[in-house]
Amino acid sequence: MYKQELKFCNTGQTAKATNCLDSEENLSCPPFIFDLRKRKIYKDGQLKVVTSIEYRLALHFFTHQKVLITRDHLLEQVWNTSTDVRTRTIDVHISTLRKKLSLNSTGWRIKTVYGEGYILQFMNPDN
């Protein structure tokens, strides 16, 4: 069954990006580079203008690839809250992030898993 094959992202879990190269200063997930010191995202060398929340959200997804991330986990790790924030808030931020980073054209995809959360996958755009 599909759900059983997914790994869930727990708050204590650390994940290693699988399609990325990282250093102390940068995380490179072509065509994206995350400047970890300046908290900026570049796509093909061009600065992408994102908010602080969008940066943290994108970085969290790219460092937890192929892992199902629940809404509760995102609230704790990205928004630093365990209080009830409306679910649509998360959905809207993810939708905005998809557009700002133009994920559809890169092979990267934040997939919505209905009733569970989200998962970042790399889909070969040539297939």
N, C-alpha and C. Protein backbone atom coordinates (compact mmCIF):
# COMPACT_ATOMS: atom_id res chain seq x y z
N MET A 1 0.84 -1.18 0.00
CA MET A 1 0.00 0.00 0.00
C MET A 1 0.88 1.24 0.00
N TYR A 2 0.46 2.28 -0.68
CA TYR A 2 1.26 3.50 -0.86
C TYR A 2 1.68 4.12 0.47
N LYS A 3 0.76 4.28 1.41
CA LYS A 3 1.07 4.93 2.67
C LYS A 3 2.18 4.21 3.43
N GLN A 4 2.21 2.89 3.35
CA GLN A 4 3.20 2.12 4.08
C GLN A 4 4.60 2.30 3.50
N GLU A 5 4.70 2.69 2.25
CA GLU A 5 6.00 2.86 1.62
C GLU A 5 6.63 4.22 1.93
N LEU A 6 5.82 5.16 2.41
CA LEU A 6 6.33 6.50 2.67
C LEU A 6 7.00 6.56 4.03
N LYS A 7 8.08 7.32 4.12
CA LYS A 7 8.71 7.59 5.40
C LYS A 7 8.13 8.89 5.92
N PHE A 8 7.80 8.92 7.20
CA PHE A 8 7.26 10.14 7.79
C PHE A 8 8.39 10.94 8.41
N CYS A 9 8.25 12.25 8.35
CA CYS A 9 9.25 13.14 8.91
C CYS A 9 8.85 13.44 10.36
N ASN A 10 9.62 12.96 11.30
CA ASN A 10 9.38 13.20 12.71
C ASN A 10 10.22 14.39 13.16
N THR A 11 9.81 15.03 14.21
CA THR A 11 10.50 16.24 14.64
C THR A 11 11.94 15.96 15.06
N GLY A 12 12.27 14.78 15.50
CA GLY A 12 13.63 14.49 15.91
C GLY A 12 14.50 13.94 14.80
N GLN A 13 13.94 13.73 13.65
CA GLN A 13 14.65 13.10 12.55
C GLN A 13 15.45 14.12 11.77
N THR A 14 16.67 13.76 11.43
CA THR A 14 17.43 14.59 10.50
C THR A 14 17.58 13.80 9.21
N ALA A 15 17.42 14.49 8.13
CA ALA A 15 17.48 13.83 6.83
C ALA A 15 18.61 14.43 6.01
N LYS A 16 19.14 13.65 5.13
CA LYS A 16 20.19 14.10 4.23
C LYS A 16 19.59 14.25 2.84
N ALA A 17 19.84 15.39 2.22
CA ALA A 17 19.33 15.61 0.87
C ALA A 17 19.98 14.60 -0.07
N THR A 18 19.18 13.99 -0.93
CA THR A 18 19.71 12.93 -1.78
C THR A 18 20.16 13.40 -3.16
N ASN A 19 19.58 14.46 -3.68
CA ASN A 19 19.97 14.96 -5.00
C ASN A 19 20.72 16.29 -4.89
N CYS A 20 21.38 16.48 -3.77
CA CYS A 20 22.01 17.77 -3.51
C CYS A 20 23.44 17.57 -3.00
N LEU A 21 24.24 18.61 -3.17
CA LEU A 21 25.57 18.67 -2.59
C LEU A 21 25.55 19.77 -1.55
N ASP A 22 26.08 19.48 -0.36
CA ASP A 22 26.04 20.52 0.66
C ASP A 22 27.41 20.79 1.24
N SER A 23 27.54 21.99 1.76
CA SER A 23 28.73 22.42 2.48
C SER A 23 28.24 23.26 3.65
N GLU A 24 29.16 23.84 4.39
CA GLU A 24 28.75 24.68 5.51
C GLU A 24 28.06 25.95 5.04
N GLU A 25 28.36 26.38 3.82
CA GLU A 25 27.84 27.66 3.33
C GLU A 25 26.68 27.51 2.35
N ASN A 26 26.64 26.41 1.60
CA ASN A 26 25.64 26.27 0.54
C ASN A 26 25.05 24.87 0.50
N LEU A 27 23.82 24.81 0.04
CA LEU A 27 23.19 23.55 -0.32
C LEU A 27 22.85 23.69 -1.79
N SER A 28 23.41 22.83 -2.61
CA SER A 28 23.20 22.91 -4.05
C SER A 28 22.33 21.75 -4.51
N CYS A 29 21.13 22.09 -4.99
CA CYS A 29 20.17 21.14 -5.53
C CYS A 29 19.78 21.65 -6.90
N PRO A 30 20.61 21.37 -7.91
CA PRO A 30 20.41 21.98 -9.22
C PRO A 30 18.96 21.94 -9.68
N PRO A 31 18.49 23.08 -10.18
CA PRO A 31 19.19 24.33 -10.48
C PRO A 31 19.22 25.32 -9.31
N PHE A 32 18.93 24.85 -8.09
CA PHE A 32 18.85 25.74 -6.93
C PHE A 32 20.12 25.68 -6.09
N ILE A 33 20.48 26.85 -5.57
CA ILE A 33 21.54 26.94 -4.57
C ILE A 33 20.97 27.72 -3.39
N PHE A 34 21.06 27.12 -2.21
CA PHE A 34 20.65 27.78 -0.99
C PHE A 34 21.89 28.34 -0.32
N ASP A 35 21.94 29.65 -0.15
CA ASP A 35 23.02 30.30 0.59
C ASP A 35 22.62 30.24 2.05
N LEU A 36 23.23 29.34 2.80
CA LEU A 36 22.82 29.08 4.17
C LEU A 36 23.17 30.21 5.13
N ARG A 37 24.20 30.97 4.83
CA ARG A 37 24.58 32.10 5.70
C ARG A 37 23.69 33.32 5.47
N LYS A 38 23.43 33.62 4.20
CA LYS A 38 22.63 34.82 3.87
C LYS A 38 21.14 34.51 3.79
N ARG A 39 20.79 33.22 3.85
CA ARG A 39 19.39 32.77 3.75
C ARG A 39 18.73 33.25 2.46
N LYS A 40 19.38 32.91 1.36
CA LYS A 40 18.89 33.29 0.04
C LYS A 40 18.85 32.05 -0.84
N ILE A 41 17.96 32.10 -1.85
CA ILE A 41 17.83 31.00 -2.81
C ILE A 41 18.14 31.55 -4.20
N TYR A 42 18.99 30.83 -4.93
CA TYR A 42 19.31 31.18 -6.31
C TYR A 42 18.85 30.04 -7.21
N LYS A 43 18.28 30.40 -8.35
CA LYS A 43 17.91 29.42 -9.37
C LYS A 43 18.65 29.81 -10.64
N ASP A 44 19.48 28.90 -11.12
CA ASP A 44 20.29 29.18 -12.30
C ASP A 44 21.06 30.48 -12.14
N GLY A 45 21.55 30.74 -10.93
CA GLY A 45 22.36 31.92 -10.66
C GLY A 45 21.57 33.19 -10.37
N GLN A 46 20.27 33.16 -10.55
CA GLN A 46 19.43 34.34 -10.32
C GLN A 46 18.79 34.27 -8.94
N LEU A 47 18.88 35.36 -8.20
CA LEU A 47 18.27 35.43 -6.87
C LEU A 47 16.75 35.33 -6.99
N LYS A 48 16.16 34.44 -6.21
CA LYS A 48 14.70 34.32 -6.13
C LYS A 48 14.25 35.07 -4.87
N VAL A 49 13.34 35.97 -5.02
CA VAL A 49 12.86 36.77 -3.89
C VAL A 49 11.80 35.96 -3.15
N VAL A 50 12.13 35.57 -1.92
CA VAL A 50 11.21 34.80 -1.08
C VAL A 50 11.20 35.41 0.32
N THR A 51 10.11 35.17 1.02
CA THR A 51 10.02 35.63 2.41
C THR A 51 10.83 34.69 3.30
N SER A 52 10.99 35.09 4.55
CA SER A 52 11.70 34.26 5.52
C SER A 52 11.02 32.90 5.69
N ILE A 53 9.71 32.90 5.78
CA ILE A 53 8.95 31.64 5.91
C ILE A 53 9.13 30.78 4.67
N GLU A 54 9.07 31.37 3.49
CA GLU A 54 9.23 30.62 2.25
C GLU A 54 10.62 30.02 2.15
N TYR A 55 11.64 30.77 2.60
CA TYR A 55 13.01 30.24 2.60
C TYR A 55 13.10 29.01 3.51
N ARG A 56 12.59 29.15 4.73
CA ARG A 56 12.65 28.03 5.68
C ARG A 56 11.86 26.83 5.17
N LEU A 57 10.72 27.09 4.56
CA LEU A 57 9.89 26.03 4.00
C LEU A 57 10.63 25.30 2.88
N ALA A 58 11.19 26.05 1.95
CA ALA A 58 11.93 25.44 0.83
C ALA A 58 13.14 24.65 1.34
N LEU A 59 13.90 25.24 2.25
CA LEU A 59 15.08 24.55 2.79
C LEU A 59 14.66 23.27 3.50
N HIS A 60 13.57 23.31 4.23
CA HIS A 60 13.10 22.11 4.93
C HIS A 60 12.75 21.00 3.93
N PHE A 61 12.05 21.35 2.86
CA PHE A 61 11.72 20.34 1.86
C PHE A 61 12.97 19.79 1.18
N PHE A 62 13.90 20.64 0.82
CA PHE A 62 15.09 20.17 0.10
C PHE A 62 16.05 19.39 0.98
N THR A 63 15.96 19.53 2.28
CA THR A 63 16.78 18.72 3.17
C THR A 63 16.03 17.50 3.70
N HIS A 64 14.79 17.33 3.25
CA HIS A 64 13.99 16.17 3.63
C HIS A 64 13.31 15.59 2.39
N GLN A 65 14.10 15.33 1.36
CA GLN A 65 13.56 14.80 0.11
C GLN A 65 13.02 13.39 0.30
N LYS A 66 11.97 13.09 -0.44
CA LYS A 66 11.37 11.76 -0.45
C LYS A 66 10.84 11.34 0.91
N VAL A 67 10.60 12.32 1.78
CA VAL A 67 10.05 12.05 3.10
C VAL A 67 8.72 12.76 3.22
N LEU A 68 7.70 12.05 3.63
CA LEU A 68 6.40 12.66 3.82
C LEU A 68 6.46 13.59 5.03
N ILE A 69 6.15 14.85 4.81
CA ILE A 69 6.21 15.86 5.86
C ILE A 69 4.78 16.27 6.19
N THR A 70 4.38 16.06 7.42
CA THR A 70 3.01 16.38 7.83
C THR A 70 2.86 17.87 8.06
N ARG A 71 1.63 18.33 8.05
CA ARG A 71 1.34 19.74 8.33
C ARG A 71 1.78 20.10 9.75
N ASP A 72 1.52 19.20 10.71
CA ASP A 72 1.93 19.46 12.09
C ASP A 72 3.44 19.65 12.19
N HIS A 73 4.18 18.82 11.46
CA HIS A 73 5.63 18.94 11.47
C HIS A 73 6.07 20.29 10.90
N LEU A 74 5.45 20.70 9.79
CA LEU A 74 5.79 21.99 9.20
C LEU A 74 5.49 23.13 10.16
N LEU A 75 4.37 23.07 10.86
CA LEU A 75 4.05 24.11 11.84
C LEU A 75 5.12 24.21 12.91
N GLU A 76 5.59 23.06 13.39
CA GLU A 76 6.61 23.05 14.44
C GLU A 76 7.97 23.51 13.93
N GLN A 77 8.37 23.01 12.76
CA GLN A 77 9.73 23.26 12.27
C GLN A 77 9.89 24.56 11.49
N VAL A 78 8.89 24.97 10.75
CA VAL A 78 9.00 26.15 9.90
C VAL A 78 8.40 27.38 10.58
N TRP A 79 7.22 27.19 11.15
CA TRP A 79 6.54 28.32 11.80
C TRP A 79 6.91 28.43 13.29
N ASN A 80 7.63 27.44 13.81
CA ASN A 80 8.04 27.42 15.23
C ASN A 80 6.85 27.57 16.17
N THR A 81 5.79 26.87 15.87
CA THR A 81 4.61 26.92 16.72
C THR A 81 3.95 25.55 16.76
N SER A 82 3.30 25.27 17.85
CA SER A 82 2.51 24.05 17.92
C SER A 82 1.04 24.39 18.09
N THR A 83 0.74 25.69 18.00
CA THR A 83 -0.65 26.11 18.11
C THR A 83 -1.37 25.85 16.80
N ASP A 84 -2.67 25.93 16.84
CA ASP A 84 -3.47 25.71 15.65
C ASP A 84 -3.38 26.88 14.69
N VAL A 85 -2.68 26.66 13.60
CA VAL A 85 -2.68 27.61 12.50
C VAL A 85 -3.52 26.95 11.42
N ARG A 86 -4.36 27.71 10.79
CA ARG A 86 -5.23 27.11 9.79
C ARG A 86 -4.44 26.37 8.71
N THR A 87 -4.90 25.21 8.35
CA THR A 87 -4.24 24.38 7.34
C THR A 87 -4.07 25.12 6.02
N ARG A 88 -5.02 25.96 5.67
CA ARG A 88 -4.92 26.70 4.39
C ARG A 88 -3.68 27.60 4.37
N THR A 89 -3.23 28.06 5.52
CA THR A 89 -2.02 28.87 5.58
C THR A 89 -0.84 28.11 4.98
N ILE A 90 -0.69 26.87 5.37
CA ILE A 90 0.39 26.05 4.84
C ILE A 90 0.20 25.82 3.35
N ASP A 91 -1.02 25.48 2.95
CA ASP A 91 -1.31 25.23 1.53
C ASP A 91 -0.98 26.44 0.67
N VAL A 92 -1.35 27.63 1.14
CA VAL A 92 -1.10 28.86 0.39
C VAL A 92 0.40 29.12 0.27
N HIS A 93 1.15 28.94 1.36
CA HIS A 93 2.60 29.15 1.31
C HIS A 93 3.28 28.17 0.35
N ILE A 94 2.84 26.94 0.35
CA ILE A 94 3.43 25.96 -0.55
C ILE A 94 3.09 26.29 -2.00
N SER A 95 1.86 26.70 -2.26
CA SER A 95 1.47 27.11 -3.60
C SER A 95 2.30 28.29 -4.08
N THR A 96 2.49 29.27 -3.22
CA THR A 96 3.30 30.45 -3.56
C THR A 96 4.75 30.05 -3.83
N LEU A 97 5.27 29.15 -3.01
CA LEU A 97 6.65 28.69 -3.18
C LEU A 97 6.82 27.96 -4.51
N ARG A 98 5.87 27.12 -4.86
CA ARG A 98 5.93 26.42 -6.15
C ARG A 98 6.03 27.41 -7.29
N LYS A 99 5.23 28.49 -7.22
CA LYS A 99 5.24 29.50 -8.28
C LYS A 99 6.52 30.31 -8.28
N LYS A 100 6.94 30.79 -7.12
CA LYS A 100 8.14 31.64 -7.06
C LYS A 100 9.39 30.91 -7.52
N LEU A 101 9.49 29.62 -7.21
CA LEU A 101 10.67 28.86 -7.62
C LEU A 101 10.49 28.20 -8.98
N SER A 102 9.32 28.35 -9.58
CA SER A 102 9.00 27.72 -10.87
C SER A 102 9.37 26.24 -10.86
N LEU A 103 8.90 25.54 -9.86
CA LEU A 103 9.29 24.14 -9.68
C LEU A 103 8.90 23.26 -10.86
N ASN A 104 7.78 23.54 -11.50
CA ASN A 104 7.33 22.69 -12.63
C ASN A 104 8.37 22.58 -13.73
N SER A 105 9.18 23.60 -13.92
CA SER A 105 10.15 23.59 -15.02
C SER A 105 11.50 23.01 -14.62
N THR A 106 11.65 22.58 -13.37
CA THR A 106 12.96 22.16 -12.88
C THR A 106 13.10 20.66 -12.65
N GLY A 107 11.99 19.94 -12.64
CA GLY A 107 12.03 18.52 -12.30
C GLY A 107 11.69 18.28 -10.83
N TRP A 108 11.77 19.32 -10.02
CA TRP A 108 11.41 19.20 -8.60
C TRP A 108 9.91 19.36 -8.46
N ARG A 109 9.32 18.60 -7.54
CA ARG A 109 7.88 18.65 -7.34
C ARG A 109 7.56 18.48 -5.86
N ILE A 110 6.75 19.41 -5.33
CA ILE A 110 6.20 19.23 -3.99
C ILE A 110 4.84 18.61 -4.20
N LYS A 111 4.73 17.34 -3.88
CA LYS A 111 3.50 16.60 -4.10
C LYS A 111 2.63 16.65 -2.85
N THR A 112 1.36 16.93 -3.04
CA THR A 112 0.40 16.89 -1.95
C THR A 112 -0.07 15.45 -1.77
N VAL A 113 0.04 14.95 -0.56
CA VAL A 113 -0.47 13.62 -0.22
C VAL A 113 -1.73 13.85 0.60
N TYR A 114 -2.87 13.66 -0.03
CA TYR A 114 -4.16 14.01 0.55
C TYR A 114 -4.32 13.44 1.97
N GLY A 115 -4.66 14.33 2.88
CA GLY A 115 -4.91 13.94 4.27
C GLY A 115 -3.68 13.64 5.08
N GLU A 116 -2.50 13.73 4.47
CA GLU A 116 -1.26 13.38 5.17
C GLU A 116 -0.28 14.55 5.26
N GLY A 117 0.05 15.16 4.12
CA GLY A 117 1.04 16.23 4.11
C GLY A 117 1.62 16.41 2.72
N TYR A 118 2.93 16.58 2.65
CA TYR A 118 3.61 16.88 1.39
C TYR A 118 4.91 16.09 1.31
N ILE A 119 5.37 15.90 0.07
CA ILE A 119 6.64 15.22 -0.16
C ILE A 119 7.34 15.88 -1.35
N LEU A 120 8.64 16.15 -1.20
CA LEU A 120 9.43 16.71 -2.30
C LEU A 120 10.08 15.57 -3.05
N GLN A 121 9.87 15.57 -4.37
CA GLN A 121 10.43 14.53 -5.23
C GLN A 121 11.13 15.18 -6.41
N PHE A 122 12.13 14.49 -6.93
CA PHE A 122 12.74 14.92 -8.18
C PHE A 122 12.23 14.00 -9.27
N MET A 123 11.59 14.61 -10.26
CA MET A 123 11.07 13.87 -11.39
C MET A 123 11.90 14.27 -12.61
N ASN A 124 12.51 13.33 -13.26
CA ASN A 124 13.34 13.65 -14.42
C ASN A 124 12.48 14.33 -15.48
N PRO A 125 12.76 15.61 -15.79
CA PRO A 125 11.92 16.33 -16.76
C PRO A 125 12.02 15.79 -18.18
N ASP A 126 13.01 14.94 -18.44
CA ASP A 126 13.18 14.38 -19.79
C ASP A 126 12.30 13.17 -20.04
N ASN A 127 11.70 12.63 -18.98
CA ASN A 127 10.85 11.43 -19.14
C ASN A 127 9.44 11.81 -19.48
